[in-house]
N, C-alpha and C. Protein backbone atom coordinates (compact mmCIF):
# COMPACT_ATOMS: atom_id res chain seq x y z
N MET A 1 0.89 -1.22 0.06
CA MET A 1 -0.02 -0.05 0.18
C MET A 1 0.88 1.21 0.04
N THR A 2 0.59 2.23 -0.70
CA THR A 2 1.39 3.50 -0.91
C THR A 2 0.86 4.30 -0.30
N ASP A 3 1.79 5.29 0.21
CA ASP A 3 0.95 6.80 0.88
C ASP A 3 0.43 7.51 -0.12
N ARG A 4 -0.90 8.23 -0.11
CA ARG A 4 -1.42 8.92 -0.68
C ARG A 4 -0.57 10.45 -0.63
N PRO A 5 -0.13 11.12 -1.63
CA PRO A 5 0.63 12.26 -1.51
C PRO A 5 0.07 13.30 -0.77
N ASP A 6 -1.44 13.20 -0.72
CA ASP A 6 -2.18 14.50 -0.15
C ASP A 6 -2.24 14.12 1.72
N SER A 7 -1.63 13.15 1.98
CA SER A 7 -1.61 12.66 3.16
C SER A 7 -0.30 12.86 4.00
N SER A 8 0.72 13.38 3.17
CA SER A 8 1.96 13.65 3.75
C SER A 8 2.18 14.57 4.95
N PRO A 9 2.92 14.58 5.51
CA PRO A 9 3.23 15.53 6.83
C PRO A 9 3.15 16.77 6.28
N ALA A 10 4.07 16.95 5.21
CA ALA A 10 4.31 18.20 4.30
C ALA A 10 2.84 19.01 3.64
N MET A 11 2.14 18.12 3.24
CA MET A 11 1.08 18.52 2.92
C MET A 11 0.09 19.08 4.04
N LEU A 12 -0.06 18.28 5.01
CA LEU A 12 -0.61 18.54 6.32
C LEU A 12 -0.13 19.88 6.79
N ARG A 13 0.88 19.85 6.89
CA ARG A 13 1.37 21.28 7.58
C ARG A 13 1.10 22.47 6.59
N GLY A 14 1.20 22.25 5.19
CA GLY A 14 0.61 23.51 4.16
C GLY A 14 -0.92 23.81 4.61
N ARG A 15 -1.74 22.70 4.50
CA ARG A 15 -3.07 22.91 4.75
C ARG A 15 -3.49 23.77 6.10
N PHE A 16 -2.52 23.14 7.43
CA PHE A 16 -2.78 24.12 8.50
C PHE A 16 -2.25 25.29 8.28
N ASP A 17 -1.02 25.74 7.85
CA ASP A 17 -0.54 27.06 7.47
C ASP A 17 -2.05 27.68 6.68
N ARG A 18 -2.27 27.25 5.62
CA ARG A 18 -3.26 27.81 4.72
C ARG A 18 -4.55 27.99 5.83
N LEU A 19 -5.04 27.21 6.72
CA LEU A 19 -6.27 27.37 7.49
C LEU A 19 -5.51 28.50 8.55
N GLY A 20 -4.42 28.61 9.19
CA GLY A 20 -4.04 29.83 9.59
C GLY A 20 -4.13 31.01 9.49
N VAL A 21 -3.77 31.24 7.83
CA VAL A 21 -3.93 32.39 7.23
C VAL A 21 -5.43 32.87 7.21
N LEU A 22 -6.25 31.76 6.91
CA LEU A 22 -7.76 31.91 6.71
C LEU A 22 -8.21 32.53 7.97
N ILE A 23 -7.97 31.79 9.04
CA ILE A 23 -8.55 31.94 10.27
C ILE A 23 -8.02 33.46 10.81
N SER A 24 -6.75 33.74 10.50
CA SER A 24 -6.06 34.86 11.18
C SER A 24 -6.78 36.15 10.23
N GLY A 25 -7.10 36.21 8.92
CA GLY A 25 -7.62 36.80 7.98
C GLY A 25 -9.24 37.17 8.43
N LEU A 26 -9.93 36.07 8.72
CA LEU A 26 -11.28 36.34 9.30
C LEU A 26 -11.31 37.00 10.56
N CYS A 27 -10.11 36.70 11.51
CA CYS A 27 -10.14 37.47 12.84
C CYS A 27 -10.03 39.20 12.45
N MET A 28 -9.17 39.22 11.66
CA MET A 28 -8.87 40.92 11.36
C MET A 28 -9.99 41.56 10.57
N VAL A 29 -10.65 40.79 9.76
CA VAL A 29 -11.83 41.32 9.09
C VAL A 29 -12.78 41.39 10.17
N HIS A 30 -13.18 40.56 11.23
CA HIS A 30 -13.98 40.40 12.06
C HIS A 30 -13.92 41.77 12.87
N CYS A 31 -12.60 42.10 13.23
CA CYS A 31 -12.19 43.14 14.35
C CYS A 31 -12.45 44.69 13.24
N VAL A 32 -11.69 44.42 12.08
CA VAL A 32 -12.01 46.00 11.43
C VAL A 32 -13.52 46.38 11.10
N ALA A 33 -14.30 45.19 10.58
CA ALA A 33 -15.54 45.46 10.14
C ALA A 33 -16.30 45.89 11.41
N GLY A 34 -16.11 45.13 12.45
CA GLY A 34 -16.91 45.64 13.70
C GLY A 34 -16.26 47.00 14.23
N LEU A 35 -15.40 47.46 14.25
CA LEU A 35 -15.21 48.79 14.75
C LEU A 35 -15.63 49.82 13.69
N PHE A 36 -15.63 49.27 12.47
CA PHE A 36 -16.18 50.37 11.53
C PHE A 36 -17.82 50.61 11.45
N LEU A 37 -18.33 49.52 11.71
CA LEU A 37 -19.73 49.23 11.41
C LEU A 37 -20.16 49.89 12.89
N ILE A 38 -19.52 49.53 14.29
CA ILE A 38 -20.12 50.21 15.43
C ILE A 38 -19.62 51.64 15.42
N GLY A 39 -18.43 52.02 15.10
CA GLY A 39 -17.82 53.54 15.22
C GLY A 39 -18.62 54.25 14.16
N VAL A 40 -18.66 53.94 13.16
CA VAL A 40 -18.96 54.83 12.14
C VAL A 40 -20.67 54.77 11.50
N LEU A 41 -21.15 53.55 11.65
CA LEU A 41 -22.28 53.62 11.13
C LEU A 41 -23.19 53.10 12.50
N GLY A 42 -22.96 52.81 13.40
CA GLY A 42 -23.60 52.57 15.00
C GLY A 42 -24.22 51.25 14.68
N LEU A 43 -23.85 50.62 13.78
CA LEU A 43 -24.81 49.20 13.76
C LEU A 43 -24.06 47.86 14.40
N GLY A 44 -25.02 47.01 14.63
CA GLY A 44 -24.57 45.40 15.15
C GLY A 44 -23.52 45.45 16.08
N GLY A 45 -23.68 46.37 17.06
CA GLY A 45 -22.76 46.31 18.20
C GLY A 45 -23.12 44.93 18.97
N GLY A 46 -24.30 44.37 19.15
CA GLY A 46 -24.52 43.28 20.04
C GLY A 46 -23.75 41.87 19.13
N VAL A 47 -24.21 41.86 18.08
CA VAL A 47 -23.71 40.76 17.22
C VAL A 47 -22.18 40.78 16.59
N LEU A 48 -21.64 41.76 16.11
CA LEU A 48 -20.44 41.65 15.37
C LEU A 48 -19.35 41.60 16.53
N LEU A 49 -19.62 42.48 17.59
CA LEU A 49 -18.54 42.69 18.65
C LEU A 49 -18.78 41.64 20.04
N ASN A 50 -19.57 40.74 19.72
CA ASN A 50 -19.91 39.81 20.87
C ASN A 50 -18.50 39.30 21.36
N PRO A 51 -18.09 39.41 22.49
CA PRO A 51 -16.61 38.76 22.93
C PRO A 51 -16.72 37.27 22.77
N ALA A 52 -17.89 36.69 22.69
CA ALA A 52 -17.62 34.92 22.55
C ALA A 52 -17.12 34.60 21.35
N ILE A 53 -17.73 35.31 20.18
CA ILE A 53 -17.30 35.11 18.89
C ILE A 53 -15.51 35.44 18.60
N HIS A 54 -15.34 36.56 19.30
CA HIS A 54 -13.90 37.01 19.08
C HIS A 54 -12.94 36.00 19.91
N ARG A 55 -13.38 35.49 21.23
CA ARG A 55 -12.55 34.56 21.88
C ARG A 55 -12.42 33.57 21.12
N PHE A 56 -13.37 33.06 20.70
CA PHE A 56 -13.50 31.75 20.24
C PHE A 56 -12.65 31.71 18.81
N GLY A 57 -12.79 32.58 17.89
CA GLY A 57 -11.88 32.61 16.80
C GLY A 57 -10.36 33.12 17.10
N LEU A 58 -10.14 33.82 18.13
CA LEU A 58 -9.03 34.24 18.44
C LEU A 58 -7.93 33.17 18.99
N VAL A 59 -8.82 32.04 19.88
CA VAL A 59 -8.05 30.84 20.12
C VAL A 59 -7.94 29.82 19.29
N ALA A 60 -8.88 29.66 18.44
CA ALA A 60 -8.52 28.82 17.24
C ALA A 60 -7.10 29.27 16.54
N ALA A 61 -7.22 30.53 15.84
CA ALA A 61 -6.01 31.15 15.64
C ALA A 61 -4.80 31.13 16.17
N PHE A 62 -5.04 31.37 17.38
CA PHE A 62 -3.99 30.93 18.33
C PHE A 62 -3.00 29.58 18.35
N LEU A 63 -4.14 28.51 18.36
CA LEU A 63 -3.77 27.14 18.28
C LEU A 63 -3.25 26.69 17.01
N VAL A 64 -4.05 26.85 15.87
CA VAL A 64 -3.38 26.52 14.78
C VAL A 64 -2.07 27.36 14.46
N GLY A 65 -1.86 28.70 14.85
CA GLY A 65 -0.63 29.35 14.68
C GLY A 65 0.56 28.67 15.52
N MET A 66 0.15 28.27 16.79
CA MET A 66 1.36 27.79 17.66
C MET A 66 1.84 26.57 17.16
N PHE A 67 1.02 25.74 16.69
CA PHE A 67 1.21 24.35 16.11
C PHE A 67 1.96 24.53 14.86
N THR A 68 1.45 25.11 13.79
CA THR A 68 2.01 25.09 12.57
C THR A 68 3.13 25.93 12.13
N ILE A 69 3.31 26.93 13.13
CA ILE A 69 4.37 27.90 12.69
C ILE A 69 5.89 27.35 13.67
N GLY A 70 5.61 26.49 14.76
CA GLY A 70 6.46 25.69 15.30
C GLY A 70 6.94 24.64 14.59
N ALA A 71 5.94 23.78 14.07
CA ALA A 71 6.45 22.76 13.10
C ALA A 71 6.83 23.08 11.91
N GLY A 72 6.64 24.17 11.11
CA GLY A 72 7.41 24.59 10.16
C GLY A 72 8.70 25.14 10.58
N ALA A 73 8.66 25.80 11.31
CA ALA A 73 10.14 26.20 11.66
C ALA A 73 11.09 25.04 12.24
N LEU A 74 10.95 24.23 12.85
CA LEU A 74 11.59 22.87 13.03
C LEU A 74 11.86 22.20 11.88
N ARG A 75 11.07 22.11 10.84
CA ARG A 75 11.27 21.64 9.89
C ARG A 75 12.40 22.05 8.68
N HIS A 76 11.96 23.32 8.38
CA HIS A 76 12.96 24.00 7.61
C HIS A 76 14.26 24.79 8.32
N GLY A 77 13.81 25.24 9.74
CA GLY A 77 15.07 25.81 10.27
C GLY A 77 15.35 27.35 10.24
N HIS A 78 14.17 27.87 9.46
CA HIS A 78 14.25 29.24 9.42
C HIS A 78 13.55 30.05 10.42
N ARG A 79 14.40 31.14 11.08
CA ARG A 79 14.07 31.81 12.07
C ARG A 79 12.72 32.62 11.90
N LEU A 80 12.90 33.29 10.55
CA LEU A 80 12.06 34.54 10.50
C LEU A 80 10.33 33.94 10.93
N PRO A 81 9.91 32.73 10.22
CA PRO A 81 8.41 32.60 10.44
C PRO A 81 8.51 32.16 12.31
N LEU A 82 9.44 32.00 12.94
CA LEU A 82 9.28 31.72 14.38
C LEU A 82 9.53 33.19 15.04
N ALA A 83 9.86 34.01 14.55
CA ALA A 83 10.10 35.28 15.10
C ALA A 83 9.15 36.30 14.91
N LEU A 84 8.42 36.02 13.86
CA LEU A 84 7.18 36.74 13.30
C LEU A 84 5.79 36.01 14.12
N GLY A 85 5.81 34.61 14.08
CA GLY A 85 4.99 33.97 14.80
C GLY A 85 5.01 34.29 16.14
N SER A 86 5.96 34.20 16.62
CA SER A 86 6.01 34.21 18.35
C SER A 86 5.59 35.72 18.73
N THR A 87 5.94 36.47 18.07
CA THR A 87 5.57 38.01 18.53
C THR A 87 3.93 38.29 18.30
N GLY A 88 3.59 37.64 17.22
CA GLY A 88 2.15 37.78 16.80
C GLY A 88 1.17 36.87 17.76
N LEU A 89 2.01 35.54 17.99
CA LEU A 89 0.92 34.84 19.02
C LEU A 89 1.30 35.72 20.54
N ALA A 90 2.00 36.12 21.11
CA ALA A 90 2.29 36.94 22.25
C ALA A 90 1.13 38.02 22.27
N LEU A 91 0.83 38.70 21.22
CA LEU A 91 -0.18 39.71 21.10
C LEU A 91 -1.37 39.17 21.01
N MET A 92 -1.48 38.04 20.09
CA MET A 92 -2.95 37.73 20.31
C MET A 92 -3.30 36.92 21.81
N ALA A 93 -2.08 36.46 22.61
CA ALA A 93 -2.44 35.82 23.81
C ALA A 93 -2.80 37.18 24.84
N ALA A 94 -2.23 38.45 24.42
CA ALA A 94 -2.40 39.39 25.09
C ALA A 94 -4.28 39.93 25.07
N ALA A 95 -4.48 39.82 23.69
CA ALA A 95 -5.74 40.32 23.30
C ALA A 95 -6.70 39.51 24.10
N ILE A 96 -6.65 37.98 24.20
CA ILE A 96 -7.23 36.94 24.68
C ILE A 96 -7.45 37.45 26.52
N ALA A 97 -6.50 37.96 26.70
CA ALA A 97 -6.49 38.16 28.26
C ALA A 97 -6.86 39.66 28.67
N SER A 98 -7.03 40.49 27.62
CA SER A 98 -7.40 41.88 27.67
C SER A 98 -9.32 41.94 27.82
N ASP A 99 -9.68 43.12 28.51
CA ASP A 99 -11.03 43.03 28.29
C ASP A 99 -11.49 43.55 26.72
N HIS A 100 -12.59 43.52 26.39
CA HIS A 100 -13.19 43.45 25.08
C HIS A 100 -13.16 44.83 24.91
N GLY A 101 -12.68 45.32 23.72
CA GLY A 101 -12.86 46.68 23.32
C GLY A 101 -11.72 47.20 22.27
N THR A 102 -11.41 48.33 21.90
CA THR A 102 -10.52 48.65 20.84
C THR A 102 -9.10 48.42 21.34
N GLY A 103 -8.64 48.34 22.54
CA GLY A 103 -7.40 47.87 22.77
C GLY A 103 -7.00 46.55 22.20
N GLU A 104 -8.21 45.50 22.58
CA GLU A 104 -8.14 44.09 22.30
C GLU A 104 -8.29 43.89 20.63
N ALA A 105 -9.05 44.89 19.99
CA ALA A 105 -8.99 44.85 18.65
C ALA A 105 -7.79 45.08 17.80
N LEU A 106 -6.86 46.06 18.49
CA LEU A 106 -5.38 46.22 17.92
C LEU A 106 -4.73 45.48 18.27
N LEU A 107 -4.71 44.68 19.50
CA LEU A 107 -3.52 43.76 19.72
C LEU A 107 -4.08 42.41 19.00
N THR A 108 -5.30 42.23 18.41
CA THR A 108 -5.75 40.92 17.66
C THR A 108 -5.28 41.32 16.25
N ILE A 109 -5.48 42.67 15.78
CA ILE A 109 -5.27 42.97 14.47
C ILE A 109 -3.78 42.76 14.03
N CYS A 110 -2.89 43.48 14.94
CA CYS A 110 -1.37 43.49 14.99
C CYS A 110 -0.57 41.83 15.13
N GLY A 111 -1.49 41.13 15.99
CA GLY A 111 -1.03 39.90 16.35
C GLY A 111 -1.44 38.93 14.85
N VAL A 112 -2.51 38.93 14.44
CA VAL A 112 -2.74 38.16 13.25
C VAL A 112 -2.12 38.48 11.96
N VAL A 113 -1.82 39.71 11.83
CA VAL A 113 -0.88 40.23 10.32
C VAL A 113 0.22 39.37 10.83
N LEU A 114 1.12 39.45 11.88
CA LEU A 114 2.08 38.70 11.99
C LEU A 114 2.05 37.24 12.15
N VAL A 115 1.09 36.70 12.25
CA VAL A 115 1.17 35.35 12.47
C VAL A 115 0.62 35.01 10.99
N ALA A 116 -0.24 35.47 10.35
CA ALA A 116 -0.48 35.40 8.89
C ALA A 116 0.68 35.21 8.17
N SER A 117 1.63 36.42 8.28
CA SER A 117 2.98 36.40 7.79
C SER A 117 3.93 35.51 7.84
N ALA A 118 3.86 34.85 9.28
CA ALA A 118 4.93 33.62 9.62
C ALA A 118 4.13 32.23 8.72
N HIS A 119 2.80 32.31 8.83
CA HIS A 119 2.10 31.20 7.76
C HIS A 119 2.53 31.13 6.30
N ILE A 120 2.54 32.50 5.87
CA ILE A 120 3.14 32.71 4.38
C ILE A 120 4.64 32.20 4.43
N VAL A 121 5.21 32.63 5.08
CA VAL A 121 6.56 32.30 5.13
C VAL A 121 6.95 30.87 5.28
N ASN A 122 6.12 30.09 6.01
CA ASN A 122 6.13 28.60 6.15
C ASN A 122 5.75 27.96 4.98
N MET A 123 4.75 28.60 4.42
CA MET A 123 4.23 27.95 3.02
C MET A 123 5.35 28.01 1.92
N ARG A 124 6.01 29.30 1.69
CA ARG A 124 6.76 29.41 0.65
C ARG A 124 8.01 28.25 1.05
N ARG A 125 8.42 28.19 2.29
CA ARG A 125 9.61 27.49 2.74
C ARG A 125 9.16 25.98 2.48
N ASN A 126 8.00 25.43 2.83
CA ASN A 126 7.48 24.25 2.53
C ASN A 126 7.61 23.91 0.94
N THR A 127 7.27 25.08 0.10
CA THR A 127 7.55 24.20 -1.06
C THR A 127 8.82 24.02 -1.93
N CYS A 128 9.95 24.95 -1.29
CA CYS A 128 10.99 24.91 -1.68
C CYS A 128 12.13 23.67 -1.50
């Protein structure tokens, strides 16, 4: 029985990196759209800025980022994704621990941008 190419560890890591970029992007869109709609238009505060939605997405992004960035850095040995990712994960952890509001949104946005960048570097390193 042969291994399927789509079940290899590298393919799995690549999928998790893509998932990490997607979740990070969704977190950022959620924060920016929420701040815009609430601050500018005064709409949807109860739904869009619900702390439970934000915490769930942020914890999911944090866990995927921690797993894939660490695994990718160990595999290819490059420090850039680890530096970007660990800084982004620290910002995301601070956002998880902070009160819901503008500060939390800014920590989240900065954190997910760094983590998404680390995922992208990992994906590029995995294809080389």
